Amino acid sequence: MSLPAVLLAAGVAPSPSPSQTTDPATATLQDAQHSATNAASWVSQNWSTWLAIGLRVLLILVIAGVLRVVVRRAITKLIDRMSRTAEGVDGTALGGLLVNVERRRQRSQAIGSVLRSVASFLILGTAALMILGTFEINLAPLLASAGVAGVAIGFGARNLVTDFLSGVFMILEDQYGVGDTVDAGVASGEVIEVGLRVTKLRGDNGEIWYVRNGEVKRIGNLSQGWATAGVDVTVRSSEDLDRVKATLDDVAERMSKEEPWNELLWGPIEVLGLDSVLLDSMVVHVSAKTMPGKAAAVARELRWRIKRAFDAADIRIVGGLPSQPDGDPAPDPTATVAAPSVYSNTASPQAEAASPITPPVRPAPK
């Protein structure tokens, strides 16, 4: 039998408990003390766990920061080495064969920017996921939401993503660079700036074209490898072909030995032969392989030298209107023009005789 039952049986009333005799203020103070005791007890029991989590997060942040700095510095040194290599070969024949300093500098900076951004994104993203995993957060819903958001953003900004990816591959594959003359389909001209999203071209009339990299379906680079300078020489059909060829060969040999044309010419100047033979003229084609972008200058110099050599050899260059045989007088340009008519002058007797007779004006009746 319990103690209260025994007391009731004995006729003795049980004394009130201490909690029944205390006032409400004392009870509230005791509850607060009890809560504080429980909190202190919980902290004392779990402080080691929180300390371990904090140290783990701190270690992850330190490792991520150090790794990011090291990777970015290594990428920067690699880009600087590429730029110094470009500066060493610039101004030489090898530098002309490769690329100029400005082109290599912009290409190196673009590649370095992409690599640094990718490295930072991977390192910091991995560190953030590791920190969330340290707090025992379920990453599956977060990754799924991020995947859905990425798909939505990529679909909405697909043109921007296309331009960016196209620019990255153009730079990595070195399809063109600063100083190149290109035909991009939508525009053509000299490349003045290469970006990850937009390429700037300067046209023949000085205008600047902003071409999105995603819109470029084909690229015709006129500055890579080598160029061809072609010159067509039109002479009379009665000229001696052997003398014409000997004169052209002499011009080609002299030009190939003189500076700076000996560096711009990457092959011998060749007389390829007759392109066409007409009744009063024939066309001889001359071709030369040149440094990229120097074909126009070489062709102009070649025409200059050919004209002077032909004048010295008394070889006439013809073109435009049909040439006249030697000794025949030049046709009078006014021979086919009709004489002015006498009727064009209203004061001439013929014009007055041909004018209709005007009837006299009768006075009005009064």
Protein backbone atom coordinates (compact mmCIF):
# COMPACT_ATOMS: atom_id res chain seq x y z
CA MET A 1 0.00 0.00 0.00
CA SER A 2 1.28 3.46 -0.84
CA LEU A 3 2.17 6.13 1.70
CA PRO A 4 -0.81 8.44 0.97
CA ALA A 5 -3.21 5.53 1.35
CA VAL A 6 -1.67 4.58 4.72
CA LEU A 7 -1.93 8.19 5.95
CA LEU A 8 -5.55 8.42 4.88
CA ALA A 9 -6.30 5.18 6.65
CA ALA A 10 -4.63 6.53 9.80
CA GLY A 11 -6.61 9.76 9.62
CA VAL A 12 -3.56 11.92 9.04
CA ALA A 13 -3.73 14.45 6.13
CA PRO A 14 -0.64 14.56 3.94
CA SER A 15 1.44 17.71 4.13
CA PRO A 16 1.48 19.88 0.96
CA SER A 17 4.47 19.48 -1.34
CA PRO A 18 6.96 22.34 -1.68
CA SER A 19 5.78 23.04 -5.25
CA GLN A 20 2.22 23.48 -3.94
CA THR A 21 3.27 25.97 -1.30
CA THR A 22 5.51 28.18 -3.51
CA ASP A 23 4.15 31.26 -5.25
CA PRO A 24 4.04 31.72 -9.12
CA ALA A 25 7.11 34.00 -9.21
CA THR A 26 9.22 31.36 -7.51
CA ALA A 27 7.94 28.73 -9.95
CA THR A 28 8.92 30.88 -12.96
CA LEU A 29 12.40 31.43 -11.54
CA GLN A 30 12.80 27.72 -10.98
CA ASP A 31 11.69 26.98 -14.58
CA ALA A 32 14.24 29.45 -15.96
CA GLN A 33 16.95 27.94 -13.82
CA HIS A 34 15.94 24.49 -14.98
CA SER A 35 16.06 25.58 -18.67
CA ALA A 36 19.46 27.17 -18.20
CA THR A 37 20.72 24.03 -16.54
CA ASN A 38 19.45 21.93 -19.45
CA ALA A 39 21.05 24.28 -22.04
CA ALA A 40 24.35 24.25 -20.23
CA SER A 41 24.16 20.52 -20.03
CA TRP A 42 23.38 20.26 -23.78
CA VAL A 43 26.29 22.57 -24.68
CA SER A 44 28.65 20.66 -22.43
CA GLN A 45 27.61 17.44 -24.09
CA ASN A 46 27.82 18.70 -27.74
CA TRP A 47 30.60 21.29 -27.71
CA SER A 48 33.09 18.80 -29.05
CA THR A 49 30.85 18.04 -32.04
CA TRP A 50 30.40 21.72 -32.90
CA LEU A 51 34.10 22.36 -32.47
CA ALA A 52 34.89 19.51 -34.85
CA ILE A 53 32.40 20.85 -37.43
CA GLY A 54 33.84 24.38 -37.14
CA LEU A 55 37.40 23.15 -37.55
CA ARG A 56 36.35 21.07 -40.56
CA VAL A 57 34.66 24.06 -42.22
CA LEU A 58 37.67 26.25 -41.49
CA LEU A 59 40.00 23.62 -42.95
CA ILE A 60 37.89 23.35 -46.12
CA LEU A 61 37.89 27.14 -46.59
CA VAL A 62 41.64 27.39 -46.05
CA ILE A 63 42.41 24.57 -48.48
CA ALA A 64 40.03 26.00 -51.10
CA GLY A 65 41.51 29.49 -50.79
CA VAL A 66 45.11 28.28 -51.03
CA LEU A 67 44.31 25.97 -53.95
CA ARG A 68 42.51 28.78 -55.80
CA VAL A 69 45.42 31.18 -55.36
CA VAL A 70 47.96 28.56 -56.48
CA VAL A 71 45.96 27.56 -59.56
CA ARG A 72 45.29 31.15 -60.64
CA ARG A 73 48.95 32.07 -60.18
CA ALA A 74 50.06 29.06 -62.22
CA ILE A 75 47.64 30.03 -65.02
CA THR A 76 48.90 33.64 -64.95
CA LYS A 77 52.53 32.51 -65.23
CA LEU A 78 51.64 30.25 -68.13
CA ILE A 79 49.92 33.12 -69.95
CA ASP A 80 52.88 35.45 -69.31
CA ARG A 81 55.27 32.86 -70.71
CA MET A 82 53.14 32.59 -73.86
CA SER A 83 53.20 36.38 -74.26
CA ARG A 84 56.99 36.56 -73.82
CA THR A 85 57.43 33.85 -76.44
CA ALA A 86 55.30 35.85 -78.87
CA GLU A 87 57.33 39.02 -78.21
CA GLY A 88 60.57 37.12 -78.89
CA VAL A 89 59.56 36.00 -82.37
CA ASP A 90 57.76 39.20 -83.41
CA GLY A 91 59.50 41.19 -86.12
CA THR A 92 61.13 38.15 -87.71
CA ALA A 93 60.10 35.93 -90.58
CA LEU A 94 59.00 33.33 -88.04
CA GLY A 95 56.91 35.97 -86.29
CA GLY A 96 55.16 36.77 -89.53
CA LEU A 97 54.51 33.10 -90.11
CA LEU A 98 52.99 32.72 -86.66
CA VAL A 99 51.06 35.63 -85.19
CA ASN A 100 51.83 39.15 -84.03
CA VAL A 101 52.25 40.24 -80.45
CA GLU A 102 48.86 41.90 -80.10
CA ARG A 103 47.07 38.85 -81.42
CA ARG A 104 48.93 36.49 -79.09
CA ARG A 105 48.43 38.86 -76.17
CA GLN A 106 44.66 39.06 -76.60
CA ARG A 107 44.39 35.35 -77.25
CA SER A 108 46.45 34.58 -74.15
CA GLN A 109 44.40 36.94 -72.00
CA ALA A 110 41.14 35.44 -73.20
CA ILE A 111 42.34 31.89 -72.57
CA GLY A 112 43.69 32.90 -69.16
CA SER A 113 40.42 34.57 -68.19
CA VAL A 114 38.43 31.49 -69.15
CA LEU A 115 40.77 29.12 -67.31
CA ARG A 116 40.82 31.25 -64.17
CA SER A 117 37.04 31.55 -64.11
CA VAL A 118 36.56 27.81 -64.60
CA ALA A 119 39.14 26.98 -61.92
CA SER A 120 37.54 29.38 -59.41
CA PHE A 121 34.06 28.04 -60.12
CA LEU A 122 35.11 24.42 -59.68
CA ILE A 123 37.15 24.99 -56.52
CA LEU A 124 34.67 27.25 -54.72
CA GLY A 125 31.68 25.19 -55.81
CA THR A 126 33.27 21.99 -54.53
CA ALA A 127 34.16 23.70 -51.23
CA ALA A 128 30.56 24.94 -50.78
CA LEU A 129 29.17 21.45 -51.35
CA MET A 130 31.66 19.98 -48.87
CA ILE A 131 30.67 22.56 -46.24
CA LEU A 132 26.97 21.77 -46.69
CA GLY A 133 27.78 18.08 -46.39
CA THR A 134 29.62 18.77 -43.14
CA PHE A 135 26.40 20.14 -41.63
CA GLU A 136 24.65 16.91 -42.73
CA ILE A 137 22.38 18.74 -45.18
CA ASN A 138 20.78 16.57 -47.83
CA LEU A 139 22.28 17.81 -51.11
CA ALA A 140 20.06 15.79 -53.45
CA PRO A 141 17.12 18.29 -53.53
CA LEU A 142 19.57 21.21 -53.81
CA LEU A 143 21.41 19.66 -56.76
CA ALA A 144 18.14 18.77 -58.46
CA SER A 145 16.84 22.34 -58.06
CA ALA A 146 20.13 23.75 -59.33
CA GLY A 147 19.95 21.46 -62.35
CA VAL A 148 16.42 22.55 -63.20
CA ALA A 149 17.33 26.23 -62.73
CA GLY A 150 20.42 25.79 -64.90
CA VAL A 151 18.37 24.23 -67.69
CA ALA A 152 15.83 27.07 -67.52
CA ILE A 153 18.49 29.78 -67.54
CA GLY A 154 20.38 28.05 -70.34
CA PHE A 155 17.23 27.78 -72.45
CA GLY A 156 16.37 31.44 -71.89
CA ALA A 157 19.90 32.67 -72.61
CA ARG A 158 20.75 30.12 -75.29
CA ASN A 159 22.02 32.79 -77.68
CA LEU A 160 24.39 34.15 -75.04
CA VAL A 161 25.61 30.65 -74.20
CA THR A 162 26.08 29.89 -77.91
CA ASP A 163 28.10 33.07 -78.43
CA PHE A 164 30.27 32.34 -75.39
CA LEU A 165 31.00 28.72 -76.32
CA SER A 166 31.69 29.65 -79.95
CA GLY A 167 34.11 32.35 -78.80
CA VAL A 168 35.92 29.94 -76.50
CA PHE A 169 36.45 27.38 -79.26
CA MET A 170 37.47 30.05 -81.79
CA ILE A 171 40.15 31.29 -79.43
CA LEU A 172 41.35 27.84 -78.40
CA GLU A 173 41.54 26.67 -82.03
CA ASP A 174 43.15 29.96 -83.14
CA GLN A 175 40.79 30.34 -86.08
CA TYR A 176 41.64 34.05 -86.38
CA GLY A 177 43.23 36.81 -84.35
CA VAL A 178 43.97 40.52 -84.21
CA GLY A 179 45.39 41.76 -87.50
CA ASP A 180 43.91 38.99 -89.63
CA THR A 181 41.75 39.78 -92.63
CA VAL A 182 38.73 37.49 -92.51
CA ASP A 183 35.47 36.88 -94.31
CA ALA A 184 32.88 35.93 -91.69
CA GLY A 185 29.95 35.69 -94.06
CA VAL A 186 27.88 38.39 -92.35
CA ALA A 187 30.80 40.85 -92.56
CA SER A 188 34.40 41.00 -93.71
CA GLY A 189 37.41 43.09 -92.79
CA GLU A 190 40.42 43.25 -90.48
CA VAL A 191 40.05 41.84 -86.97
CA ILE A 192 40.71 44.54 -84.37
CA GLU A 193 39.46 42.74 -81.25
CA VAL A 194 38.52 39.18 -80.35
CA GLY A 195 36.17 38.62 -77.42
CA LEU A 196 34.37 35.65 -75.94
CA ARG A 197 31.00 36.96 -77.17
CA VAL A 198 31.68 39.53 -79.92
CA THR A 199 34.38 39.94 -82.58
CA LYS A 200 35.14 43.43 -83.93
CA LEU A 201 35.99 43.83 -87.62
CA ARG A 202 37.06 46.98 -89.45
CA GLY A 203 35.67 47.06 -92.97
CA ASP A 204 37.28 48.41 -96.13
CA ASN A 205 35.56 51.80 -95.71
CA GLY A 206 36.59 52.18 -92.06
CA GLU A 207 33.35 50.98 -90.51
CA ILE A 208 33.47 48.68 -87.47
CA TRP A 209 31.39 45.51 -87.50
CA TYR A 210 30.34 43.84 -84.25
CA VAL A 211 29.84 40.19 -85.11
CA ARG A 212 28.40 37.78 -82.53
CA ASN A 213 30.46 34.63 -82.41
CA GLY A 214 27.38 32.44 -82.43
CA GLU A 215 26.28 33.89 -85.80
CA VAL A 216 29.51 32.95 -87.57
CA LYS A 217 28.92 29.77 -89.54
CA ARG A 218 32.12 29.90 -91.59
CA ILE A 219 35.38 31.83 -91.48
CA GLY A 220 37.61 32.61 -94.42
CA ASN A 221 40.97 33.69 -93.01
CA LEU A 222 43.00 35.55 -95.61
CA SER A 223 46.03 36.00 -93.35
CA GLN A 224 46.98 32.47 -92.34
CA GLY A 225 49.54 30.31 -94.10
CA TRP A 226 50.45 32.23 -97.24
CA ALA A 227 48.85 34.52 -99.82
CA THR A 228 49.04 34.73 -103.60
CA ALA A 229 49.81 37.88 -105.57
CA GLY A 230 48.51 37.57 -109.12
CA VAL A 231 49.11 40.03 -111.94
CA ASP A 232 47.55 39.87 -115.41
CA VAL A 233 49.56 41.57 -118.16
CA THR A 234 47.70 42.33 -121.39
CA VAL A 235 49.90 42.84 -124.46
CA ARG A 236 49.30 42.95 -128.20
CA SER A 237 48.79 39.64 -129.93
CA SER A 238 51.64 40.46 -132.31
CA GLU A 239 54.24 40.59 -129.52
CA ASP A 240 56.96 37.97 -129.32
CA LEU A 241 56.06 35.65 -126.45
CA ASP A 242 59.66 34.64 -125.82
CA ARG A 243 60.68 38.28 -125.43
CA VAL A 244 57.71 38.96 -123.16
CA LYS A 245 58.57 35.95 -120.98
CA ALA A 246 62.26 36.89 -120.83
CA THR A 247 61.37 40.40 -119.70
CA LEU A 248 59.03 39.11 -117.00
CA ASP A 249 61.62 36.60 -115.79
CA ASP A 250 64.20 39.38 -115.50
CA VAL A 251 61.75 41.51 -113.46
CA ALA A 252 60.99 38.55 -111.19
CA GLU A 253 64.65 37.75 -110.59
CA ARG A 254 65.56 41.34 -109.77
CA MET A 255 62.62 41.78 -107.41
CA SER A 256 63.33 38.51 -105.58
CA LYS A 257 66.84 39.69 -104.68
CA GLU A 258 65.97 43.16 -103.39
CA GLU A 259 64.85 44.12 -99.90
CA PRO A 260 62.26 44.05 -98.42
CA TRP A 261 60.65 41.99 -101.17
CA ASN A 262 63.01 39.05 -100.63
CA GLU A 263 61.43 38.55 -97.17
CA LEU A 264 57.86 39.12 -98.32
CA LEU A 265 58.18 36.64 -101.17
CA TRP A 266 57.89 33.06 -99.96
CA GLY A 267 58.41 31.53 -103.37
CA PRO A 268 59.69 32.41 -106.83
CA ILE A 269 57.69 34.71 -109.06
CA GLU A 270 56.36 32.46 -111.80
CA VAL A 271 55.16 33.31 -115.29
CA LEU A 272 52.32 30.82 -115.58
CA GLY A 273 51.58 31.49 -119.24
CA LEU A 274 48.68 32.73 -121.30
CA ASP A 275 45.31 33.08 -119.66
CA SER A 276 43.49 34.18 -122.78
CA VAL A 277 44.21 35.01 -126.43
CA LEU A 278 41.97 37.47 -128.29
CA LEU A 279 42.02 38.88 -131.78
CA ASP A 280 44.09 41.94 -130.85
CA SER A 281 45.48 41.12 -127.40
CA MET A 282 46.64 38.32 -125.11
CA VAL A 283 46.85 38.06 -121.32
CA VAL A 284 49.93 36.70 -119.54
CA HIS A 285 49.45 35.67 -115.89
CA VAL A 286 52.20 36.18 -113.30
CA SER A 287 51.88 34.73 -109.79
CA ALA A 288 53.91 34.82 -106.57
CA LYS A 289 53.50 33.25 -103.13
CA THR A 290 53.83 35.92 -100.43
CA MET A 291 53.66 36.47 -96.70
CA PRO A 292 50.07 36.59 -95.39
CA GLY A 293 48.51 40.00 -95.82
CA LYS A 294 51.25 41.26 -98.18
CA ALA A 295 49.79 40.08 -101.48
CA ALA A 296 48.40 43.50 -102.44
CA ALA A 297 51.71 45.30 -101.79
CA VAL A 298 53.68 42.72 -103.76
CA ALA A 299 51.21 42.87 -106.67
CA ARG A 300 51.42 46.67 -106.84
CA GLU A 301 55.22 46.62 -106.85
CA LEU A 302 55.23 43.90 -109.47
CA ARG A 303 52.94 45.90 -111.77
CA TRP A 304 55.17 48.95 -111.33
CA ARG A 305 58.30 47.03 -112.30
CA ILE A 306 56.63 45.26 -115.23
CA LYS A 307 55.42 48.55 -116.68
CA ARG A 308 58.87 50.11 -116.49
CA ALA A 309 60.53 47.01 -117.95
CA PHE A 310 58.03 46.84 -120.83
CA ASP A 311 58.55 50.52 -121.62
CA ALA A 312 62.30 49.95 -121.77
CA ALA A 313 61.84 46.89 -124.01
CA ASP A 314 59.31 48.68 -126.26
CA ILE A 315 56.53 46.22 -125.39
CA ARG A 316 53.16 47.87 -125.47
CA ILE A 317 50.63 47.08 -122.74
CA VAL A 318 47.09 47.29 -124.04
CA GLY A 319 43.70 47.18 -122.42
CA GLY A 320 40.29 48.75 -122.49
CA LEU A 321 39.48 49.83 -126.04
CA PRO A 322 40.88 47.68 -128.87
CA SER A 323 44.37 48.70 -129.87
CA GLN A 324 45.02 50.22 -133.32
CA PRO A 325 47.66 48.88 -135.69
CA ASP A 326 50.85 50.89 -136.04
CA GLY A 327 50.61 53.70 -138.63
CA ASP A 328 46.81 53.91 -138.64
CA PRO A 329 45.50 57.27 -137.52
CA ALA A 330 43.39 57.37 -134.44
CA PRO A 331 39.68 57.61 -135.23
CA ASP A 332 38.01 60.99 -134.94
CA PRO A 333 35.59 60.80 -131.97
CA THR A 334 33.32 63.37 -133.68
CA ALA A 335 33.08 61.47 -136.95
CA THR A 336 29.97 59.60 -135.89
CA VAL A 337 28.28 62.66 -134.40
CA ALA A 338 25.60 64.22 -136.65
CA ALA A 339 25.78 67.91 -137.51
CA PRO A 340 23.39 70.15 -135.63
CA SER A 341 20.13 70.83 -137.40
CA VAL A 342 19.30 74.30 -138.67
CA TYR A 343 15.87 73.88 -137.22
CA SER A 344 17.30 73.89 -133.71
CA ASN A 345 17.87 77.65 -134.06
CA THR A 346 14.49 79.37 -134.02
CA ALA A 347 15.96 82.53 -135.62
CA SER A 348 17.25 80.75 -138.75
CA PRO A 349 15.40 81.32 -142.07
CA GLN A 350 14.63 77.61 -142.31
CA ALA A 351 13.03 77.58 -138.87
CA GLU A 352 11.01 80.72 -139.65
CA ALA A 353 9.87 79.25 -143.00
CA ALA A 354 8.76 76.06 -141.28
CA SER A 355 6.89 77.91 -138.54
CA PRO A 356 3.09 77.84 -138.86
CA ILE A 357 1.37 81.02 -140.04
CA THR A 358 -0.42 82.73 -137.20
CA PRO A 359 -3.80 84.17 -138.25
CA PRO A 360 -4.28 87.89 -137.60
CA VAL A 361 -6.11 88.86 -134.51
CA ARG A 362 -9.45 90.46 -135.33
CA PRO A 363 -10.72 93.23 -133.09
CA ALA A 364 -13.73 92.47 -131.02
CA PRO A 365 -17.02 93.93 -132.32
CA LYS A 366 -18.28 96.95 -130.47
